[in-house]
Amino acid sequence: MVLLIALMLLSYSGITQSWKIDANHSSVMFNAKHYGISFINGRFMDFEATVEGGTPEDFTDAKVSFTAQVGSVSTGAEGRDNHLKKDDFFDMENHPTISFVSKSFTKSGDSMYKVVGDLTMKGNTKEVELPANHIGSTKARNGGNKVGFQIIGKVNRNDFEVSGAGRGVAPMIEIICNIEMAEQKPE
């Protein structure tokens, strides 16, 4: 009997916790410096992400998978949004998504993590490093866990051949993600 209980505990401990982004309480935004005098900001309205691993207190070694639909880009100006979807920017016709898959998720401070992974835009994949701040965790109304992260980092758009607008738009683009995730119950 003791052996059976031990085997059950071992098999249960091998189950990895899954988390899913709550898109209604999350945002994926960007800031681009325009002609060195102002910023244009935008966001992707349609995105999804999952995280495998981690607990409400610690996400060391978690695995992240993220996808945004290029067609959902919104800057508040329809003409600019349409231009961003063309081949000199995101080339939505040939590359309808932007994706990120993590390679590592390591603790770098009390609530800080360093997330390294492959970012793919316009068919080009480059390794990027993004700092992630674990804002906190709480219990949801259904009793499940919820966690919050904020990711603020920069990528060089020219590394991905997202080079439209020439020098009018600075090459370094700030990424700001406010993320709320809900624990997924094993089936």
C-alpha atoms as a PDB file:
ATOM      1  CA  MET A   1       0.000   0.000   0.000  1.00  0.00           C
ATOM      2  CA  VAL A   2       2.814   2.424   0.882  1.00  0.00           C
ATOM      3  CA  LEU A   3       4.465   1.642  -2.472  1.00  0.00           C
ATOM      4  CA  LEU A   4       1.218   2.439  -4.325  1.00  0.00           C
ATOM      5  CA  ILE A   5       0.877   5.804  -2.547  1.00  0.00           C
ATOM      6  CA  ALA A   6       4.530   6.633  -3.279  1.00  0.00           C
ATOM      7  CA  LEU A   7       4.047   5.815  -6.989  1.00  0.00           C
ATOM      8  CA  MET A   8       0.929   7.984  -7.118  1.00  0.00           C
ATOM      9  CA  LEU A   9       2.802  10.903  -5.522  1.00  0.00           C
ATOM     10  CA  LEU A  10       5.707  10.502  -7.937  1.00  0.00           C
ATOM     11  CA  SER A  11       3.426  10.425 -10.962  1.00  0.00           C
ATOM     12  CA  TYR A  12       1.520  13.490  -9.712  1.00  0.00           C
ATOM     13  CA  SER A  13       4.732  15.450  -9.119  1.00  0.00           C
ATOM     14  CA  GLY A  14       5.628  14.937 -12.781  1.00  0.00           C
ATOM     15  CA  ILE A  15       2.589  16.943 -13.888  1.00  0.00           C
ATOM     16  CA  THR A  16       3.634  20.383 -15.076  1.00  0.00           C
ATOM     17  CA  GLN A  17       1.433  23.313 -14.143  1.00  0.00           C
ATOM     18  CA  SER A  18      -0.067  25.089 -17.167  1.00  0.00           C
ATOM     19  CA  TRP A  19      -1.036  28.752 -17.347  1.00  0.00           C
ATOM     20  CA  LYS A  20      -3.014  30.574 -20.012  1.00  0.00           C
ATOM     21  CA  ILE A  21      -2.990  34.283 -20.675  1.00  0.00           C
ATOM     22  CA  ASP A  22      -6.179  36.144 -19.826  1.00  0.00           C
ATOM     23  CA  ALA A  23      -6.419  38.341 -22.933  1.00  0.00           C
ATOM     24  CA  ASN A  24      -9.203  40.442 -21.366  1.00  0.00           C
ATOM     25  CA  HIS A  25      -6.819  41.544 -18.601  1.00  0.00           C
ATOM     26  CA  SER A  26      -3.572  41.663 -20.593  1.00  0.00           C
ATOM     27  CA  SER A  27      -2.022  43.885 -23.251  1.00  0.00           C
ATOM     28  CA  VAL A  28       0.799  43.620 -25.778  1.00  0.00           C
ATOM     29  CA  MET A  29       2.005  47.077 -26.756  1.00  0.00           C
ATOM     30  CA  PHE A  30       4.925  48.822 -28.447  1.00  0.00           C
ATOM     31  CA  ASN A  31       6.445  52.319 -28.639  1.00  0.00           C
ATOM     32  CA  ALA A  32       8.370  53.566 -31.659  1.00  0.00           C
ATOM     33  CA  LYS A  33      10.270  56.846 -31.674  1.00  0.00           C
ATOM     34  CA  HIS A  34       9.153  58.964 -34.642  1.00  0.00           C
ATOM     35  CA  TYR A  35      11.645  61.397 -36.208  1.00  0.00           C
ATOM     36  CA  GLY A  36      13.400  61.628 -32.849  1.00  0.00           C
ATOM     37  CA  ILE A  37      10.771  63.980 -31.454  1.00  0.00           C
ATOM     38  CA  SER A  38       7.752  61.889 -30.480  1.00  0.00           C
ATOM     39  CA  PHE A  39       6.520  58.349 -29.944  1.00  0.00           C
ATOM     40  CA  ILE A  40       3.955  56.325 -31.826  1.00  0.00           C
ATOM     41  CA  ASN A  41       2.439  53.601 -29.719  1.00  0.00           C
ATOM     42  CA  GLY A  42       0.392  50.643 -30.750  1.00  0.00           C
ATOM     43  CA  ARG A  43      -0.841  47.280 -29.645  1.00  0.00           C
ATOM     44  CA  PHE A  44      -1.831  43.884 -30.890  1.00  0.00           C
ATOM     45  CA  MET A  45      -5.464  43.194 -30.089  1.00  0.00           C
ATOM     46  CA  ASP A  46      -5.436  39.447 -30.903  1.00  0.00           C
ATOM     47  CA  PHE A  47      -2.803  37.365 -29.108  1.00  0.00           C
ATOM     48  CA  GLU A  48      -2.455  34.241 -27.006  1.00  0.00           C
ATOM     49  CA  ALA A  49       0.164  32.733 -24.765  1.00  0.00           C
ATOM     50  CA  THR A  50       0.676  29.695 -22.619  1.00  0.00           C
ATOM     51  CA  VAL A  51       3.217  28.973 -19.922  1.00  0.00           C
ATOM     52  CA  GLU A  52       4.202  25.472 -18.859  1.00  0.00           C
ATOM     53  CA  GLY A  53       5.686  25.157 -15.391  1.00  0.00           C
ATOM     54  CA  GLY A  54       6.006  27.554 -12.523  1.00  0.00           C
ATOM     55  CA  THR A  55       4.057  28.100  -9.353  1.00  0.00           C
ATOM     56  CA  PRO A  56       2.303  31.247  -8.116  1.00  0.00           C
ATOM     57  CA  GLU A  57       5.540  32.055  -6.254  1.00  0.00           C
ATOM     58  CA  ASP A  58       8.282  30.927  -8.678  1.00  0.00           C
ATOM     59  CA  PHE A  59       8.495  30.600 -12.462  1.00  0.00           C
ATOM     60  CA  THR A  60      12.100  29.444 -12.724  1.00  0.00           C
ATOM     61  CA  ASP A  61      12.501  27.131 -15.751  1.00  0.00           C
ATOM     62  CA  ALA A  62       8.970  27.807 -17.052  1.00  0.00           C
ATOM     63  CA  LYS A  63       8.398  27.533 -20.825  1.00  0.00           C
ATOM     64  CA  VAL A  64       6.599  30.355 -22.658  1.00  0.00           C
ATOM     65  CA  SER A  65       4.871  30.224 -26.036  1.00  0.00           C
ATOM     66  CA  PHE A  66       3.314  33.422 -27.468  1.00  0.00           C
ATOM     67  CA  THR A  67       1.614  34.356 -30.758  1.00  0.00           C
ATOM     68  CA  ALA A  68       0.173  37.698 -31.945  1.00  0.00           C
ATOM     69  CA  GLN A  69      -1.901  38.171 -35.082  1.00  0.00           C
ATOM     70  CA  VAL A  70      -0.346  40.897 -37.275  1.00  0.00           C
ATOM     71  CA  GLY A  71      -3.794  41.770 -38.644  1.00  0.00           C
ATOM     72  CA  SER A  72      -4.813  42.954 -35.179  1.00  0.00           C
ATOM     73  CA  VAL A  73      -2.201  45.736 -34.957  1.00  0.00           C
ATOM     74  CA  SER A  74      -3.747  49.011 -33.826  1.00  0.00           C
ATOM     75  CA  THR A  75      -2.073  52.413 -33.508  1.00  0.00           C
ATOM     76  CA  GLY A  76      -5.222  54.521 -33.585  1.00  0.00           C
ATOM     77  CA  ALA A  77      -4.670  55.536 -37.218  1.00  0.00           C
ATOM     78  CA  GLU A  78      -6.209  53.255 -39.859  1.00  0.00           C
ATOM     79  CA  GLY A  79      -3.831  54.362 -42.628  1.00  0.00           C
ATOM     80  CA  ARG A  80      -0.779  53.663 -40.464  1.00  0.00           C
ATOM     81  CA  ASP A  81      -2.207  50.303 -39.355  1.00  0.00           C
ATOM     82  CA  ASN A  82      -2.724  49.305 -42.993  1.00  0.00           C
ATOM     83  CA  HIS A  83       0.843  50.372 -43.826  1.00  0.00           C
ATOM     84  CA  LEU A  84       2.243  48.315 -40.938  1.00  0.00           C
ATOM     85  CA  LYS A  85       0.603  45.220 -42.475  1.00  0.00           C
ATOM     86  CA  LYS A  86       2.370  45.752 -45.851  1.00  0.00           C
ATOM     87  CA  ASP A  87       5.551  44.029 -46.992  1.00  0.00           C
ATOM     88  CA  ASP A  88       7.963  46.814 -45.923  1.00  0.00           C
ATOM     89  CA  PHE A  89       6.833  46.373 -42.305  1.00  0.00           C
ATOM     90  CA  PHE A  90       5.232  43.132 -41.021  1.00  0.00           C
ATOM     91  CA  ASP A  91       4.283  41.615 -44.440  1.00  0.00           C
ATOM     92  CA  MET A  92       1.029  40.205 -43.080  1.00  0.00           C
ATOM     93  CA  GLU A  93       0.175  38.425 -46.337  1.00  0.00           C
ATOM     94  CA  ASN A  94       3.223  36.157 -46.050  1.00  0.00           C
ATOM     95  CA  HIS A  95       3.780  36.306 -42.283  1.00  0.00           C
ATOM     96  CA  PRO A  96       0.433  36.655 -40.462  1.00  0.00           C
ATOM     97  CA  THR A  97       1.832  36.075 -36.961  1.00  0.00           C
ATOM     98  CA  ILE A  98       4.577  37.205 -34.624  1.00  0.00           C
ATOM     99  CA  SER A  99       5.737  34.511 -32.215  1.00  0.00           C
ATOM    100  CA  PHE A 100       8.018  33.985 -29.249  1.00  0.00           C
ATOM    101  CA  VAL A 101       9.180  30.667 -27.781  1.00  0.00           C
ATOM    102  CA  SER A 102      11.334  30.756 -24.659  1.00  0.00           C
ATOM    103  CA  LYS A 103      14.611  28.911 -24.223  1.00  0.00           C
ATOM    104  CA  SER A 104      15.141  29.854 -20.571  1.00  0.00           C
ATOM    105  CA  PHE A 105      13.281  31.556 -17.728  1.00  0.00           C
ATOM    106  CA  THR A 106      15.677  32.381 -14.894  1.00  0.00           C
ATOM    107  CA  LYS A 107      15.363  34.372 -11.700  1.00  0.00           C
ATOM    108  CA  SER A 108      17.457  37.558 -11.664  1.00  0.00           C
ATOM    109  CA  GLY A 109      16.180  39.251  -8.497  1.00  0.00           C
ATOM    110  CA  ASP A 110      13.404  39.153  -5.890  1.00  0.00           C
ATOM    111  CA  SER A 111      10.554  39.416  -8.378  1.00  0.00           C
ATOM    112  CA  MET A 112      12.586  39.705 -11.578  1.00  0.00           C
ATOM    113  CA  TYR A 113      13.264  37.098 -14.254  1.00  0.00           C
ATOM    114  CA  LYS A 114      15.319  37.017 -17.426  1.00  0.00           C
ATOM    115  CA  VAL A 115      13.412  35.396 -20.279  1.00  0.00           C
ATOM    116  CA  VAL A 116      15.504  34.335 -23.283  1.00  0.00           C
ATOM    117  CA  GLY A 117      13.914  32.952 -26.413  1.00  0.00           C
ATOM    118  CA  ASP A 118      13.358  33.064 -30.151  1.00  0.00           C
ATOM    119  CA  LEU A 119      11.290  35.961 -31.469  1.00  0.00           C
ATOM    120  CA  THR A 120       9.992  35.518 -35.024  1.00  0.00           C
ATOM    121  CA  MET A 121       8.753  38.473 -37.082  1.00  0.00           C
ATOM    122  CA  LYS A 122       8.387  38.656 -40.840  1.00  0.00           C
ATOM    123  CA  GLY A 123       9.890  35.176 -41.164  1.00  0.00           C
ATOM    124  CA  ASN A 124      13.077  36.154 -39.321  1.00  0.00           C
ATOM    125  CA  THR A 125      13.947  34.497 -36.026  1.00  0.00           C
ATOM    126  CA  LYS A 126      16.381  36.070 -33.564  1.00  0.00           C
ATOM    127  CA  GLU A 127      17.188  35.304 -29.962  1.00  0.00           C
ATOM    128  CA  VAL A 128      16.099  38.084 -27.602  1.00  0.00           C
ATOM    129  CA  GLU A 129      16.350  38.630 -23.860  1.00  0.00           C
ATOM    130  CA  LEU A 130      13.468  40.280 -22.038  1.00  0.00           C
ATOM    131  CA  PRO A 131      13.197  41.218 -18.345  1.00  0.00           C
ATOM    132  CA  ALA A 132       9.988  40.032 -16.693  1.00  0.00           C
ATOM    133  CA  ASN A 133       8.714  41.456 -13.415  1.00  0.00           C
ATOM    134  CA  HIS A 134       6.508  39.046 -11.438  1.00  0.00           C
ATOM    135  CA  ILE A 135       3.956  41.555 -10.130  1.00  0.00           C
ATOM    136  CA  GLY A 136       2.204  39.068  -7.853  1.00  0.00           C
ATOM    137  CA  SER A 137      -0.331  36.290  -7.521  1.00  0.00           C
ATOM    138  CA  THR A 138      -3.831  35.875  -6.128  1.00  0.00           C
ATOM    139  CA  LYS A 139      -6.706  33.430  -5.950  1.00  0.00           C
ATOM    140  CA  ALA A 140      -9.470  33.837  -8.539  1.00  0.00           C
ATOM    141  CA  ARG A 141     -13.154  33.564  -7.701  1.00  0.00           C
ATOM    142  CA  ASN A 142     -13.130  29.949  -8.923  1.00  0.00           C
ATOM    143  CA  GLY A 143     -10.341  29.121  -6.440  1.00  0.00           C
ATOM    144  CA  GLY A 144      -7.649  28.826  -9.091  1.00  0.00           C
ATOM    145  CA  ASN A 145      -4.441  30.817  -9.061  1.00  0.00           C
ATOM    146  CA  LYS A 146      -3.797  33.942 -11.123  1.00  0.00           C
ATOM    147  CA  VAL A 147      -0.420  35.600 -11.628  1.00  0.00           C
ATOM    148  CA  GLY A 148       0.700  38.870 -13.132  1.00  0.00           C
ATOM    149  CA  PHE A 149       3.844  39.831 -15.023  1.00  0.00           C
ATOM    150  CA  GLN A 150       5.086  42.970 -16.735  1.00  0.00           C
ATOM    151  CA  ILE A 151       7.638  42.651 -19.511  1.00  0.00           C
ATOM    152  CA  ILE A 152       9.404  45.766 -20.768  1.00  0.00           C
ATOM    153  CA  GLY A 153      12.218  45.358 -23.260  1.00  0.00           C
ATOM    154  CA  LYS A 154      13.582  46.513 -26.601  1.00  0.00           C
ATOM    155  CA  VAL A 155      14.143  44.883 -29.962  1.00  0.00           C
ATOM    156  CA  ASN A 156      15.799  46.211 -33.094  1.00  0.00           C
ATOM    157  CA  ARG A 157      13.166  46.103 -35.833  1.00  0.00           C
ATOM    158  CA  ASN A 158      15.866  46.066 -38.520  1.00  0.00           C
ATOM    159  CA  ASP A 159      17.119  42.707 -37.180  1.00  0.00           C
ATOM    160  CA  PHE A 160      13.789  41.307 -38.394  1.00  0.00           C
ATOM    161  CA  GLU A 161      13.700  43.259 -41.687  1.00  0.00           C
ATOM    162  CA  VAL A 162      10.754  45.292 -40.397  1.00  0.00           C
ATOM    163  CA  SER A 163      12.416  48.292 -41.971  1.00  0.00           C
ATOM    164  CA  GLY A 164       9.679  50.419 -43.511  1.00  0.00           C
ATOM    165  CA  ALA A 165       9.629  54.206 -42.957  1.00  0.00           C
ATOM    166  CA  GLY A 166      13.414  54.478 -43.312  1.00  0.00           C
ATOM    167  CA  ARG A 167      14.930  56.771 -40.727  1.00  0.00           C
ATOM    168  CA  GLY A 168      11.551  58.236 -39.737  1.00  0.00           C
ATOM    169  CA  VAL A 169      11.088  55.433 -37.220  1.00  0.00           C
ATOM    170  CA  ALA A 170      13.944  54.596 -34.840  1.00  0.00           C
ATOM    171  CA  PRO A 171      15.287  51.045 -35.106  1.00  0.00           C
ATOM    172  CA  MET A 172      14.861  50.240 -31.398  1.00  0.00           C
ATOM    173  CA  ILE A 173      11.250  49.454 -30.513  1.00  0.00           C
ATOM    174  CA  GLU A 174      10.101  49.231 -26.915  1.00  0.00           C
ATOM    175  CA  ILE A 175       7.855  46.285 -26.064  1.00  0.00           C
ATOM    176  CA  ILE A 176       5.502  46.534 -23.083  1.00  0.00           C
ATOM    177  CA  CYS A 177       3.455  43.498 -22.072  1.00  0.00           C
ATOM    178  CA  ASN A 178       1.107  43.529 -19.085  1.00  0.00           C
ATOM    179  CA  ILE A 179       0.201  39.898 -18.529  1.00  0.00           C
ATOM    180  CA  GLU A 180      -2.368  38.215 -16.316  1.00  0.00           C
ATOM    181  CA  MET A 181      -2.416  34.414 -16.463  1.00  0.00           C
ATOM    182  CA  ALA A 182      -4.800  31.862 -15.031  1.00  0.00           C
ATOM    183  CA  GLU A 183      -3.880  28.419 -13.780  1.00  0.00           C
ATOM    184  CA  GLN A 184      -5.245  25.660 -15.994  1.00  0.00           C
ATOM    185  CA  LYS A 185      -6.639  22.596 -14.245  1.00  0.00           C
ATOM    186  CA  PRO A 186      -5.351  19.202 -15.492  1.00  0.00           C
ATOM    187  CA  GLU A 187      -7.957  17.215 -17.374  1.00  0.00           C
END
